[in-house]
Structures are given as structure tokens and as C-alpha cells.
Protein backbone atom coordinates (compact mmCIF):
# COMPACT_ATOMS: atom_id res chain seq x y z
CA MET A 1 -10.77 -84.55 -141.76
CA ASN A 2 -10.16 -83.50 -138.10
CA THR A 3 -8.75 -79.97 -138.64
CA ARG A 4 -6.04 -79.08 -135.86
CA ILE A 5 -6.58 -75.52 -134.53
CA GLY A 6 -3.70 -73.95 -132.38
CA PRO A 7 -1.90 -73.58 -130.24
CA VAL A 8 -2.68 -69.71 -130.29
CA ALA A 9 -0.79 -67.42 -127.75
CA ILE A 10 -3.42 -65.72 -125.62
CA ASN A 11 -2.04 -62.31 -126.82
CA ARG A 12 -2.66 -63.28 -130.46
CA LEU A 13 -6.45 -64.28 -129.67
CA VAL A 14 -9.25 -61.74 -130.03
CA LEU A 15 -12.80 -62.40 -128.85
CA CYS A 16 -15.37 -60.65 -130.94
CA SER A 17 -19.03 -60.25 -130.14
CA ALA A 18 -21.91 -59.22 -132.79
CA ASP A 19 -23.62 -56.13 -131.72
CA ALA A 20 -27.39 -55.87 -130.83
CA SER A 21 -30.40 -54.42 -132.14
CA PRO A 22 -31.66 -50.84 -131.20
CA ASP A 23 -34.03 -52.32 -128.64
CA SER A 24 -31.00 -53.75 -126.90
CA GLN A 25 -28.94 -50.55 -126.95
CA ARG A 26 -28.66 -47.74 -124.11
CA SER A 27 -30.78 -44.76 -124.83
CA GLN A 28 -27.63 -42.63 -124.16
CA GLN A 29 -24.10 -42.71 -125.22
CA ASP A 30 -21.85 -45.13 -123.54
CA LYS A 31 -18.69 -47.26 -123.76
CA ALA A 32 -19.17 -50.05 -126.35
CA GLU A 33 -18.67 -52.79 -123.78
CA TYR A 34 -21.61 -51.59 -121.79
CA PHE A 35 -23.79 -50.17 -124.66
CA PHE A 36 -25.70 -53.31 -125.20
CA PRO A 37 -27.30 -54.09 -121.80
CA ASP A 38 -30.04 -56.49 -123.35
CA GLY A 39 -27.41 -57.95 -125.80
CA ARG A 40 -26.09 -60.40 -122.97
CA TRP A 41 -23.84 -62.16 -125.28
CA VAL A 42 -21.75 -59.08 -125.63
CA GLY A 43 -21.28 -59.13 -121.81
CA ALA A 44 -20.47 -62.74 -122.14
CA VAL A 45 -17.79 -62.36 -124.69
CA ARG A 46 -16.48 -59.49 -122.72
CA ASN A 47 -16.35 -61.35 -119.51
CA ALA A 48 -14.51 -64.23 -121.01
CA SER A 49 -12.09 -61.97 -122.55
CA HIS A 50 -11.27 -60.23 -119.21
CA ASP A 51 -11.03 -63.63 -117.54
CA LEU A 52 -8.58 -64.85 -119.96
CA GLY A 53 -6.65 -61.71 -120.60
CA CYS A 54 -7.07 -61.44 -124.55
CA ARG A 55 -8.44 -58.89 -126.70
CA PHE A 56 -12.07 -58.07 -126.85
CA VAL A 57 -13.83 -56.18 -129.82
CA ILE A 58 -17.43 -55.79 -130.98
CA LEU A 59 -18.51 -55.97 -134.55
CA THR A 60 -21.18 -53.40 -135.01
CA THR A 61 -23.34 -52.39 -138.15
CA GLY A 62 -23.30 -48.75 -137.15
CA TYR A 63 -19.57 -48.09 -136.24
CA GLY A 64 -17.80 -51.02 -137.70
CA LEU A 65 -15.36 -53.09 -135.43
CA VAL A 66 -14.93 -51.17 -132.12
CA ASN A 67 -12.85 -51.45 -128.92
CA PRO A 68 -14.69 -51.77 -125.70
CA ASP A 69 -13.84 -48.05 -124.63
CA ASP A 70 -15.04 -46.59 -127.79
CA LEU A 71 -18.15 -44.38 -127.22
CA LEU A 72 -21.28 -45.44 -129.00
CA ALA A 73 -24.58 -43.76 -129.39
CA ARG A 74 -27.98 -45.31 -130.70
CA TYR A 75 -27.87 -46.53 -134.16
CA ASP A 76 -30.10 -48.71 -136.48
CA LYS A 77 -28.24 -50.16 -139.31
CA HIS A 78 -29.78 -53.62 -140.17
CA ILE A 79 -27.29 -55.34 -142.73
CA ASP A 80 -30.28 -56.16 -145.04
CA LYS A 81 -30.83 -52.70 -145.71
CA TYR A 82 -27.31 -50.99 -145.30
CA ARG A 83 -25.10 -53.67 -146.69
CA ASP A 84 -22.99 -51.46 -148.82
CA TYR A 85 -22.45 -49.01 -145.90
CA ILE A 86 -21.68 -51.81 -143.40
CA ALA A 87 -19.26 -53.32 -145.85
CA GLU A 88 -17.32 -50.21 -146.16
CA LYS A 89 -17.27 -49.35 -142.57
CA TRP A 90 -15.80 -52.84 -141.90
CA ARG A 91 -13.33 -52.71 -144.53
CA TRP A 92 -11.98 -49.62 -142.93
CA THR A 93 -12.32 -50.38 -139.32
CA VAL A 94 -11.31 -54.17 -138.92
CA PRO A 95 -7.82 -53.47 -140.21
CA ARG A 96 -7.64 -50.07 -138.28
CA VAL A 97 -8.67 -51.74 -134.95
CA LEU A 98 -6.77 -55.19 -135.32
CA GLY A 99 -3.69 -54.24 -137.36
CA VAL A 100 -2.20 -56.52 -140.03
CA ARG A 101 -0.89 -59.91 -138.65
CA GLN A 102 -1.05 -58.68 -135.06
CA TYR A 103 -3.42 -61.61 -134.23
CA ASP A 104 -3.80 -65.00 -135.31
CA MET A 105 -7.34 -66.01 -134.70
CA MET A 106 -10.49 -64.24 -133.98
CA VAL A 107 -13.33 -66.23 -132.16
CA PHE A 108 -16.62 -64.54 -133.14
CA TYR A 109 -19.61 -65.39 -131.07
CA SER A 110 -22.44 -64.81 -133.56
CA GLY A 111 -25.48 -65.78 -131.63
CA GLY A 112 -28.46 -63.78 -132.91
CA CYS A 113 -27.00 -61.92 -135.77
CA PRO A 114 -27.58 -62.77 -139.53
CA ARG A 115 -24.25 -64.45 -139.40
CA ASP A 116 -23.97 -65.69 -142.94
CA LYS A 117 -24.29 -62.12 -143.98
CA TYR A 118 -21.86 -60.96 -141.63
CA LEU A 119 -19.48 -63.57 -142.47
CA GLU A 120 -19.74 -62.75 -146.26
CA ILE A 121 -18.23 -59.43 -145.55
CA LEU A 122 -15.79 -60.11 -142.54
CA ARG A 123 -14.08 -63.27 -143.72
CA PRO A 124 -12.26 -61.68 -146.85
CA ILE A 125 -11.34 -58.79 -144.50
CA LEU A 126 -9.77 -61.02 -141.82
CA ARG A 127 -7.82 -63.14 -144.55
CA SER A 128 -6.44 -59.91 -145.97
CA ILE A 129 -4.89 -59.19 -142.43
CA GLY A 130 -3.90 -62.82 -141.90
CA ILE A 131 -6.46 -63.61 -139.07
CA ALA A 132 -8.18 -67.08 -138.94
CA LEU A 133 -11.67 -67.31 -137.75
CA ILE A 134 -13.78 -69.52 -135.52
CA THR A 135 -17.49 -68.54 -135.36
CA PHE A 136 -20.14 -70.33 -133.36
CA GLY A 137 -23.44 -69.44 -131.37
CA LYS A 138 -27.09 -69.57 -131.87
CA PRO A 139 -30.01 -67.15 -131.04
CA ASN A 140 -31.04 -67.34 -127.43
CA MET A 141 -27.56 -67.31 -126.14
CA TYR A 142 -26.96 -70.85 -126.98
CA ASP A 143 -23.44 -71.84 -126.21
CA ALA A 144 -22.56 -68.46 -124.97
CA GLY A 145 -21.44 -70.22 -121.78
CA LYS A 146 -18.82 -71.95 -123.81
CA ILE A 147 -16.88 -68.97 -125.06
CA LYS A 148 -14.10 -69.14 -122.56
CA GLN A 149 -13.80 -72.93 -122.79
CA VAL A 150 -13.47 -72.67 -126.67
CA ALA A 151 -10.81 -69.93 -126.37
CA LYS A 152 -8.92 -72.00 -123.80
CA MET A 153 -9.09 -75.03 -126.22
CA ILE A 154 -7.60 -72.93 -128.92
CA VAL A 155 -4.81 -71.58 -126.62
CA ASN A 156 -3.83 -75.11 -125.87
CA ALA A 157 -4.31 -76.69 -129.25
CA THR A 158 -7.49 -78.55 -130.30
CA SER A 159 -9.21 -79.93 -133.14
CA LEU A 160 -12.44 -79.17 -134.95
CA ASN A 161 -13.93 -82.39 -133.65
CA ASP A 162 -12.98 -81.62 -130.06
CA LEU A 163 -14.56 -78.18 -130.41
CA LYS A 164 -17.68 -79.66 -131.84
CA GLU A 165 -17.86 -81.99 -129.00
CA ALA A 166 -17.75 -79.12 -126.28
CA LEU A 167 -20.77 -77.41 -128.01
CA LYS A 168 -24.34 -78.02 -127.53
CA TYR A 169 -24.93 -76.73 -130.95
CA PRO A 170 -21.95 -77.91 -132.95
CA GLU A 171 -23.60 -77.52 -136.27
CA ARG A 172 -22.98 -73.70 -135.92
CA LEU A 173 -19.38 -74.09 -135.46
CA GLU A 174 -17.33 -72.85 -138.49
CA PHE A 175 -13.46 -72.51 -138.96
CA TYR A 176 -11.87 -70.39 -141.62
CA PRO A 177 -8.12 -70.44 -141.92
CA ALA A 178 -6.16 -67.23 -142.53
CA SER A 179 -4.96 -68.48 -145.67
């Protein structure tokens, strides 16, 4: 089945990046959007968001879902060890940051994170606040250069098959409707 996706108004689309390990974090406190200098995917999602004029957020294991201007300090909370803490933090911060039904879709670039574990927690939260989810990406920044293209396709209306054709690693593309 070729699932239809969009159109989604640009102001109802949110681009989300996974965070990065302690080795990729700044040693001193900084704004979230610049806190992961070695997590180049964070910058790629941020830049796509700025270019498109849509919302940008970062899903962190230490602070939950954060805005680009939020100040972060170093943390080390791997999902395997701190799953309950992270789940609670996300259940509180995702609705607080995104609101209820203020966005139609989240594009989550999940390159190097343990994506399945993240999605297990994130998907029900997004569903509860009425936000659909598209996720893709692979470690080593695969398809990070496609973030802006994928977002534009969703804004203009596309299909799951067309999105797969646009990606180098389409097997990592997943779509979860809000309902």
C-alpha cells in the first residue's frame, strides 16, 4: 500500500534530532542547538529547520525534549541504563514543549541513536498529543542530507513510496500516523 502523507503546513511541521553521546557534547554549558558539536546530525536538522522556517527540537536522554535555546550541561544517560528516568522525562517534556495538537507531524532524524528504544517511548507520547511521526536515518550521517528534501515533500504532499525513493537507505524510513 502506498500511504499518502501530507500536505502539512510548514508551521505545523516539527523537525527533531536525537541527541549525542557525552563524547559529542561541549564541556561547558551551552544552548542545545550548539551543545553537540560532534553530533553533526543535530546541526543538519537545525540547519534544515532554519532554511525551511519550521520548528526545531532535540530529543535528549538527559533533559527530555528541548528547544534550541534551552541551556544544557554535560550528561550521560544512556537509554539502556536509564530507561525509566528517560521515559518519565519524555512523558513530561514532549507535551510541554510541543503542546497538544499544535503540530501535525514530527520528522525525527534518528541516525546513530538506539532508534527502536527511543520510538518505543516516543510514539505513544506523540500519539497522545495528536502528532504523526516520520523517522529515518542511519549511523554515520546516512541520509542526513535528505532532511530538508523529506520535509519539503511532506509539506507538498507525498507518498511513503516517493519518500523511500528519495532516500539512500529507505529501509530505515518509518511512518506512524497520529491516530
